[in-house]
Structures are given as structure tokens and as C-alpha cells.
All heavy atoms as atom14 arrays in JSON, in Angstrom:
{
  "sequence": "CFICIFLLFLSFGSKAQSYYRPEVMNNDTSWIEIGG",
  "atom14_mask": [
    [1, 1, 1, 1, 1, 1, 0, 0, 0, 0, 0, 0, 0, 0],
    [1, 1, 1, 1, 1, 1, 1, 1, 1, 1, 1, 0, 0, 0],
    [1, 1, 1, 1, 1, 1, 1, 1, 0, 0, 0, 0, 0, 0],
    [1, 1, 1, 1, 1, 1, 0, 0, 0, 0, 0, 0, 0, 0],
    [1, 1, 1, 1, 1, 1, 1, 1, 0, 0, 0, 0, 0, 0],
    [1, 1, 1, 1, 1, 1, 1, 1, 1, 1, 1, 0, 0, 0],
    [1, 1, 1, 1, 1, 1, 1, 1, 0, 0, 0, 0, 0, 0],
    [1, 1, 1, 1, 1, 1, 1, 1, 0, 0, 0, 0, 0, 0],
    [1, 1, 1, 1, 1, 1, 1, 1, 1, 1, 1, 0, 0, 0],
    [1, 1, 1, 1, 1, 1, 1, 1, 0, 0, 0, 0, 0, 0],
    [1, 1, 1, 1, 1, 1, 0, 0, 0, 0, 0, 0, 0, 0],
    [1, 1, 1, 1, 1, 1, 1, 1, 1, 1, 1, 0, 0, 0],
    [1, 1, 1, 1, 0, 0, 0, 0, 0, 0, 0, 0, 0, 0],
    [1, 1, 1, 1, 1, 1, 0, 0, 0, 0, 0, 0, 0, 0],
    [1, 1, 1, 1, 1, 1, 1, 1, 1, 0, 0, 0, 0, 0],
    [1, 1, 1, 1, 1, 0, 0, 0, 0, 0, 0, 0, 0, 0],
    [1, 1, 1, 1, 1, 1, 1, 1, 1, 0, 0, 0, 0, 0],
    [1, 1, 1, 1, 1, 1, 0, 0, 0, 0, 0, 0, 0, 0],
    [1, 1, 1, 1, 1, 1, 1, 1, 1, 1, 1, 1, 0, 0],
    [1, 1, 1, 1, 1, 1, 1, 1, 1, 1, 1, 1, 0, 0],
    [1, 1, 1, 1, 1, 1, 1, 1, 1, 1, 1, 0, 0, 0],
    [1, 1, 1, 1, 1, 1, 1, 0, 0, 0, 0, 0, 0, 0],
    [1, 1, 1, 1, 1, 1, 1, 1, 1, 0, 0, 0, 0, 0],
    [1, 1, 1, 1, 1, 1, 1, 0, 0, 0, 0, 0, 0, 0],
    [1, 1, 1, 1, 1, 1, 1, 1, 0, 0, 0, 0, 0, 0],
    [1, 1, 1, 1, 1, 1, 1, 1, 0, 0, 0, 0, 0, 0],
    [1, 1, 1, 1, 1, 1, 1, 1, 0, 0, 0, 0, 0, 0],
    [1, 1, 1, 1, 1, 1, 1, 1, 0, 0, 0, 0, 0, 0],
    [1, 1, 1, 1, 1, 1, 1, 0, 0, 0, 0, 0, 0, 0],
    [1, 1, 1, 1, 1, 1, 0, 0, 0, 0, 0, 0, 0, 0],
    [1, 1, 1, 1, 1, 1, 1, 1, 1, 1, 1, 1, 1, 1],
    [1, 1, 1, 1, 1, 1, 1, 1, 0, 0, 0, 0, 0, 0],
    [1, 1, 1, 1, 1, 1, 1, 1, 1, 0, 0, 0, 0, 0],
    [1, 1, 1, 1, 1, 1, 1, 1, 0, 0, 0, 0, 0, 0],
    [1, 1, 1, 1, 0, 0, 0, 0, 0, 0, 0, 0, 0, 0],
    [1, 1, 1, 1, 0, 0, 0, 0, 0, 0, 0, 0, 0, 0]
  ],
  "atom14_positions": [
    [[101.32, 113.35, 91.71], [102.2, 113.72, 92.81], [103.34, 112.72, 92.86], [103.13, 111.52, 92.73], [101.44, 113.72, 94.13], [102.44, 114.15, 95.57], [0.0, 0.0, 0.0], [0.0, 0.0, 0.0], [0.0, 0.0, 0.0], [0.0, 0.0, 0.0], [0.0, 0.0, 0.0], [0.0, 0.0, 0.0], [0.0, 0.0, 0.0], [0.0, 0.0, 0.0]],
    [[104.55, 113.2, 93.07], [105.71, 112.33, 93.06], [106.65, 112.76, 94.16], [106.98, 113.93, 94.29], [106.43, 112.4, 91.71], [107.63, 111.51, 91.61], [107.48, 110.16, 91.41], [108.9, 112.03, 91.72], [108.58, 109.33, 91.31], [110.01, 111.22, 91.62], [109.84, 109.87, 91.41], [0.0, 0.0, 0.0], [0.0, 0.0, 0.0], [0.0, 0.0, 0.0]],
    [[107.07, 111.81, 95.0], [108.07, 112.07, 96.02], [109.3, 111.24, 95.68], [109.22, 110.04, 95.5], [107.55, 111.68, 97.43], [106.31, 112.51, 97.77], [108.64, 111.9, 98.47], [105.71, 112.14, 99.09], [0.0, 0.0, 0.0], [0.0, 0.0, 0.0], [0.0, 0.0, 0.0], [0.0, 0.0, 0.0], [0.0, 0.0, 0.0], [0.0, 0.0, 0.0]],
    [[110.43, 111.9, 95.54], [111.66, 111.23, 95.13], [112.55, 111.0, 96.34], [112.79, 111.92, 97.12], [112.39, 112.07, 94.1], [113.97, 111.35, 93.61], [0.0, 0.0, 0.0], [0.0, 0.0, 0.0], [0.0, 0.0, 0.0], [0.0, 0.0, 0.0], [0.0, 0.0, 0.0], [0.0, 0.0, 0.0], [0.0, 0.0, 0.0], [0.0, 0.0, 0.0]],
    [[113.01, 109.78, 96.53], [113.96, 109.44, 97.57], [115.15, 108.77, 96.9], [115.0, 107.75, 96.23], [113.34, 108.49, 98.61], [112.1, 109.15, 99.24], [114.37, 108.15, 99.69], [111.38, 108.22, 100.19], [0.0, 0.0, 0.0], [0.0, 0.0, 0.0], [0.0, 0.0, 0.0], [0.0, 0.0, 0.0], [0.0, 0.0, 0.0], [0.0, 0.0, 0.0]],
    [[116.32, 109.32, 97.04], [117.5, 108.78, 96.39], [117.96, 107.52, 97.12], [118.07, 107.49, 98.34], [118.64, 109.8, 96.38], [118.47, 110.82, 95.33], [118.06, 112.1, 95.67], [118.69, 110.5, 94.01], [117.89, 113.04, 94.68], [118.52, 111.45, 93.02], [118.12, 112.72, 93.36], [0.0, 0.0, 0.0], [0.0, 0.0, 0.0], [0.0, 0.0, 0.0]],
    [[118.26, 106.48, 96.33], [118.9, 105.29, 96.89], [120.36, 105.57, 97.19], [120.93, 105.01, 98.12], [118.77, 104.14, 95.88], [117.34, 103.78, 95.46], [117.39, 102.67, 94.42], [116.51, 103.36, 96.65], [0.0, 0.0, 0.0], [0.0, 0.0, 0.0], [0.0, 0.0, 0.0], [0.0, 0.0, 0.0], [0.0, 0.0, 0.0], [0.0, 0.0, 0.0]],
    [[120.96, 106.38, 96.34], [122.35, 106.76, 96.54], [122.52, 108.16, 96.02], [122.04, 108.48, 94.95], [123.28, 105.81, 95.76], [124.77, 106.18, 95.73], [125.36, 106.1, 97.13], [125.52, 105.25, 94.78], [0.0, 0.0, 0.0], [0.0, 0.0, 0.0], [0.0, 0.0, 0.0], [0.0, 0.0, 0.0], [0.0, 0.0, 0.0], [0.0, 0.0, 0.0]],
    [[123.17, 109.01, 96.78], [123.4, 110.38, 96.32], [124.78, 110.8, 96.79], [125.0, 111.01, 97.96], [122.33, 111.32, 96.88], [122.38, 112.69, 96.27], [121.61, 112.98, 95.16], [123.2, 113.67, 96.81], [121.66, 114.24, 94.59], [123.24, 114.93, 96.24], [122.47, 115.21, 95.13], [0.0, 0.0, 0.0], [0.0, 0.0, 0.0], [0.0, 0.0, 0.0]],
    [[125.71, 110.88, 95.85], [127.06, 111.3, 96.15], [127.36, 112.55, 95.35], [127.07, 112.62, 94.17], [128.06, 110.2, 95.75], [127.86, 108.83, 96.38], [128.85, 107.86, 95.78], [128.02, 108.9, 97.88], [0.0, 0.0, 0.0], [0.0, 0.0, 0.0], [0.0, 0.0, 0.0], [0.0, 0.0, 0.0], [0.0, 0.0, 0.0], [0.0, 0.0, 0.0]],
    [[127.93, 113.55, 95.97], [128.27, 114.77, 95.26], [129.64, 115.25, 95.67], [130.08, 115.04, 96.79], [127.23, 115.85, 95.55], [127.25, 116.21, 96.91], [0.0, 0.0, 0.0], [0.0, 0.0, 0.0], [0.0, 0.0, 0.0], [0.0, 0.0, 0.0], [0.0, 0.0, 0.0], [0.0, 0.0, 0.0], [0.0, 0.0, 0.0], [0.0, 0.0, 0.0]],
    [[130.3, 115.88, 94.72], [131.64, 116.41, 94.96], [131.69, 117.81, 94.36], [131.17, 118.04, 93.29], [132.7, 115.53, 94.29], [132.54, 114.07, 94.61], [131.77, 113.26, 93.78], [133.11, 113.53, 95.74], [131.61, 111.91, 94.07], [132.97, 112.18, 96.02], [132.21, 111.37, 95.19], [0.0, 0.0, 0.0], [0.0, 0.0, 0.0], [0.0, 0.0, 0.0]],
    [[132.35, 118.73, 95.03], [132.49, 120.07, 94.49], [131.52, 121.04, 95.12], [131.0, 120.83, 96.21], [0.0, 0.0, 0.0], [0.0, 0.0, 0.0], [0.0, 0.0, 0.0], [0.0, 0.0, 0.0], [0.0, 0.0, 0.0], [0.0, 0.0, 0.0], [0.0, 0.0, 0.0], [0.0, 0.0, 0.0], [0.0, 0.0, 0.0], [0.0, 0.0, 0.0]],
    [[131.24, 122.12, 94.38], [130.53, 123.24, 94.97], [129.03, 123.06, 95.02], [128.37, 123.65, 95.85], [130.84, 124.51, 94.17], [130.38, 124.37, 92.84], [0.0, 0.0, 0.0], [0.0, 0.0, 0.0], [0.0, 0.0, 0.0], [0.0, 0.0, 0.0], [0.0, 0.0, 0.0], [0.0, 0.0, 0.0], [0.0, 0.0, 0.0], [0.0, 0.0, 0.0]],
    [[128.45, 122.27, 94.11], [127.0, 122.22, 94.05], [126.55, 120.9, 93.46], [126.91, 120.54, 92.36], [126.46, 123.38, 93.19], [124.95, 123.51, 93.24], [124.52, 124.75, 92.5], [123.01, 124.95, 92.62], [122.56, 126.13, 91.89], [0.0, 0.0, 0.0], [0.0, 0.0, 0.0], [0.0, 0.0, 0.0], [0.0, 0.0, 0.0], [0.0, 0.0, 0.0]],
    [[125.73, 120.18, 94.19], [125.17, 118.92, 93.68], [123.81, 119.2, 93.09], [123.08, 120.05, 93.54], [125.05, 117.91, 94.82], [0.0, 0.0, 0.0], [0.0, 0.0, 0.0], [0.0, 0.0, 0.0], [0.0, 0.0, 0.0], [0.0, 0.0, 0.0], [0.0, 0.0, 0.0], [0.0, 0.0, 0.0], [0.0, 0.0, 0.0], [0.0, 0.0, 0.0]],
    [[123.45, 118.42, 92.09], [122.19, 118.62, 91.4], [121.4, 117.33, 91.43], [121.92, 116.27, 91.17], [122.43, 119.02, 89.94], [123.18, 120.31, 89.78], [122.38, 121.48, 90.25], [121.18, 121.54, 90.05], [123.03, 122.42, 90.88], [0.0, 0.0, 0.0], [0.0, 0.0, 0.0], [0.0, 0.0, 0.0], [0.0, 0.0, 0.0], [0.0, 0.0, 0.0]],
    [[120.11, 117.42, 91.71], [119.24, 116.26, 91.59], [118.59, 116.28, 90.22], [118.36, 117.33, 89.64], [118.17, 116.29, 92.68], [117.43, 117.49, 92.62], [0.0, 0.0, 0.0], [0.0, 0.0, 0.0], [0.0, 0.0, 0.0], [0.0, 0.0, 0.0], [0.0, 0.0, 0.0], [0.0, 0.0, 0.0], [0.0, 0.0, 0.0], [0.0, 0.0, 0.0]],
    [[118.24, 115.1, 89.69], [117.85, 115.02, 88.29], [116.5, 115.66, 88.04], [116.15, 115.94, 86.91], [117.82, 113.56, 87.81], [116.75, 112.7, 88.41], [115.49, 112.66, 87.84], [116.99, 111.91, 89.52], [114.5, 111.86, 88.36], [116.02, 111.11, 90.04], [114.77, 111.08, 89.47], [113.81, 110.29, 90.0], [0.0, 0.0, 0.0], [0.0, 0.0, 0.0]],
    [[115.72, 115.9, 89.08], [114.41, 116.49, 88.85], [114.4, 117.99, 89.06], [113.36, 118.62, 89.1], [113.36, 115.85, 89.77], [113.71, 115.9, 91.25], [113.38, 117.01, 92.01], [114.35, 114.84, 91.86], [113.71, 117.06, 93.35], [114.67, 114.89, 93.2], [114.35, 115.99, 93.94], [114.67, 116.04, 95.26], [0.0, 0.0, 0.0], [0.0, 0.0, 0.0]],
    [[115.57, 118.61, 89.21], [115.65, 120.06, 89.36], [116.4, 120.62, 88.15], [117.59, 120.39, 88.0], [116.36, 120.43, 90.66], [115.59, 120.02, 91.9], [116.44, 120.17, 93.14], [116.78, 121.56, 93.38], [117.69, 121.91, 94.28], [118.35, 121.01, 94.98], [117.96, 123.19, 94.47], [0.0, 0.0, 0.0], [0.0, 0.0, 0.0], [0.0, 0.0, 0.0]],
    [[115.71, 121.37, 87.27], [116.29, 121.73, 85.97], [117.15, 122.98, 85.99], [117.27, 123.67, 85.0], [115.04, 121.97, 85.12], [114.05, 122.51, 86.09], [114.32, 121.79, 87.39], [0.0, 0.0, 0.0], [0.0, 0.0, 0.0], [0.0, 0.0, 0.0], [0.0, 0.0, 0.0], [0.0, 0.0, 0.0], [0.0, 0.0, 0.0], [0.0, 0.0, 0.0]],
    [[117.79, 123.32, 87.11], [118.6, 124.51, 87.11], [119.93, 124.27, 86.41], [120.41, 123.15, 86.28], [118.84, 125.0, 88.54], [119.47, 123.95, 89.42], [118.84, 123.92, 90.8], [117.64, 124.12, 90.89], [119.58, 123.69, 91.77], [0.0, 0.0, 0.0], [0.0, 0.0, 0.0], [0.0, 0.0, 0.0], [0.0, 0.0, 0.0], [0.0, 0.0, 0.0]],
    [[120.51, 125.35, 85.93], [121.77, 125.26, 85.21], [122.91, 125.09, 86.22], [122.97, 125.76, 87.23], [122.0, 126.53, 84.37], [123.33, 126.46, 83.65], [120.87, 126.69, 83.36], [0.0, 0.0, 0.0], [0.0, 0.0, 0.0], [0.0, 0.0, 0.0], [0.0, 0.0, 0.0], [0.0, 0.0, 0.0], [0.0, 0.0, 0.0], [0.0, 0.0, 0.0]],
    [[123.8, 124.17, 85.93], [124.86, 123.85, 86.88], [126.04, 124.79, 86.77], [126.35, 125.29, 85.7], [125.31, 122.4, 86.67], [124.3, 121.41, 87.19], [124.67, 119.74, 86.66], [124.11, 119.82, 84.97], [0.0, 0.0, 0.0], [0.0, 0.0, 0.0], [0.0, 0.0, 0.0], [0.0, 0.0, 0.0], [0.0, 0.0, 0.0], [0.0, 0.0, 0.0]],
    [[126.7, 125.02, 87.89], [127.89, 125.86, 87.91], [129.1, 125.08, 87.4], [129.08, 123.87, 87.26], [128.16, 126.35, 89.33], [127.06, 127.26, 89.84], [126.47, 128.0, 89.08], [126.78, 127.18, 91.13], [0.0, 0.0, 0.0], [0.0, 0.0, 0.0], [0.0, 0.0, 0.0], [0.0, 0.0, 0.0], [0.0, 0.0, 0.0], [0.0, 0.0, 0.0]],
    [[130.18, 125.83, 87.17], [131.42, 125.18, 86.81], [132.07, 124.57, 88.03], [131.71, 124.84, 89.18], [132.36, 126.2, 86.15], [131.83, 126.69, 84.81], [131.51, 125.89, 83.94], [131.75, 127.99, 84.65], [0.0, 0.0, 0.0], [0.0, 0.0, 0.0], [0.0, 0.0, 0.0], [0.0, 0.0, 0.0], [0.0, 0.0, 0.0], [0.0, 0.0, 0.0]],
    [[133.11, 123.71, 87.8], [133.81, 123.02, 88.88], [132.84, 122.24, 89.77], [132.78, 122.41, 90.99], [134.62, 124.02, 89.72], [135.74, 124.65, 88.91], [136.33, 123.95, 88.08], [136.0, 125.85, 89.09], [0.0, 0.0, 0.0], [0.0, 0.0, 0.0], [0.0, 0.0, 0.0], [0.0, 0.0, 0.0], [0.0, 0.0, 0.0], [0.0, 0.0, 0.0]],
    [[132.08, 121.4, 89.15], [131.08, 120.59, 89.83], [131.14, 119.17, 89.29], [131.39, 118.95, 88.1], [129.66, 121.14, 89.57], [129.6, 122.5, 89.96], [128.61, 120.36, 90.35], [0.0, 0.0, 0.0], [0.0, 0.0, 0.0], [0.0, 0.0, 0.0], [0.0, 0.0, 0.0], [0.0, 0.0, 0.0], [0.0, 0.0, 0.0], [0.0, 0.0, 0.0]],
    [[130.94, 118.19, 90.15], [130.81, 116.8, 89.71], [129.76, 116.11, 90.56], [129.5, 116.52, 91.7], [132.15, 116.06, 89.81], [132.66, 116.11, 91.12], [0.0, 0.0, 0.0], [0.0, 0.0, 0.0], [0.0, 0.0, 0.0], [0.0, 0.0, 0.0], [0.0, 0.0, 0.0], [0.0, 0.0, 0.0], [0.0, 0.0, 0.0], [0.0, 0.0, 0.0]],
    [[129.14, 115.08, 90.02], [128.03, 114.46, 90.73], [127.81, 113.04, 90.23], [128.13, 112.69, 89.1], [126.75, 115.28, 90.56], [126.25, 115.35, 89.16], [125.28, 114.6, 88.58], [126.71, 116.25, 88.14], [125.11, 114.95, 87.27], [125.96, 115.97, 86.98], [127.67, 117.26, 88.1], [126.16, 116.65, 85.8], [127.87, 117.94, 86.91], [127.12, 117.65, 85.78]],
    [[127.24, 112.22, 91.11], [126.79, 110.86, 90.79], [125.44, 110.68, 91.46], [125.28, 111.04, 92.63], [127.76, 109.78, 91.28], [129.15, 109.96, 90.66], [127.22, 108.38, 90.96], [130.19, 109.0, 91.23], [0.0, 0.0, 0.0], [0.0, 0.0, 0.0], [0.0, 0.0, 0.0], [0.0, 0.0, 0.0], [0.0, 0.0, 0.0], [0.0, 0.0, 0.0]],
    [[124.47, 110.13, 90.73], [123.13, 109.98, 91.28], [122.52, 108.64, 90.86], [122.76, 108.17, 89.74], [122.21, 111.11, 90.8], [122.69, 112.49, 91.18], [121.91, 113.59, 90.48], [121.0, 113.27, 89.7], [122.23, 114.76, 90.72], [0.0, 0.0, 0.0], [0.0, 0.0, 0.0], [0.0, 0.0, 0.0], [0.0, 0.0, 0.0], [0.0, 0.0, 0.0]],
    [[121.75, 108.07, 91.74], [120.91, 106.92, 91.42], [119.53, 107.22, 91.97], [119.4, 107.7, 93.1], [121.45, 105.62, 92.03], [122.81, 105.28, 91.44], [120.48, 104.47, 91.79], [123.42, 104.02, 92.02], [0.0, 0.0, 0.0], [0.0, 0.0, 0.0], [0.0, 0.0, 0.0], [0.0, 0.0, 0.0], [0.0, 0.0, 0.0], [0.0, 0.0, 0.0]],
    [[118.49, 106.99, 91.18], [117.14, 107.29, 91.63], [116.12, 106.44, 90.94], [116.44, 105.61, 90.08], [0.0, 0.0, 0.0], [0.0, 0.0, 0.0], [0.0, 0.0, 0.0], [0.0, 0.0, 0.0], [0.0, 0.0, 0.0], [0.0, 0.0, 0.0], [0.0, 0.0, 0.0], [0.0, 0.0, 0.0], [0.0, 0.0, 0.0], [0.0, 0.0, 0.0]],
    [[114.87, 106.63, 91.31], [113.77, 105.91, 90.7], [112.66, 106.88, 90.34], [112.56, 107.97, 90.89], [0.0, 0.0, 0.0], [0.0, 0.0, 0.0], [0.0, 0.0, 0.0], [0.0, 0.0, 0.0], [0.0, 0.0, 0.0], [0.0, 0.0, 0.0], [0.0, 0.0, 0.0], [0.0, 0.0, 0.0], [0.0, 0.0, 0.0], [0.0, 0.0, 0.0]]
  ]
}
């Protein structure tokens, strides 16, 4: 079992993605993530 809490999560554009969600990203999207 794993619970993820982002230390920093910044997103810009239409859709932000977290690294543990494997969905395909849309166009015109940008993101920055830090996690453990």
C-alpha cells in the first residue's frame, strides 16, 4: 500500500499529471512535480 503526498506540485495549462497515474497526456500541457 502506498500513499503519495507531493512536496511540491505546480501545473500549468489544461491538465496536470501525477507521476503515478499512467494516462496519456493531452496537448498544450506543461507540468513540474516533486515527489517521494
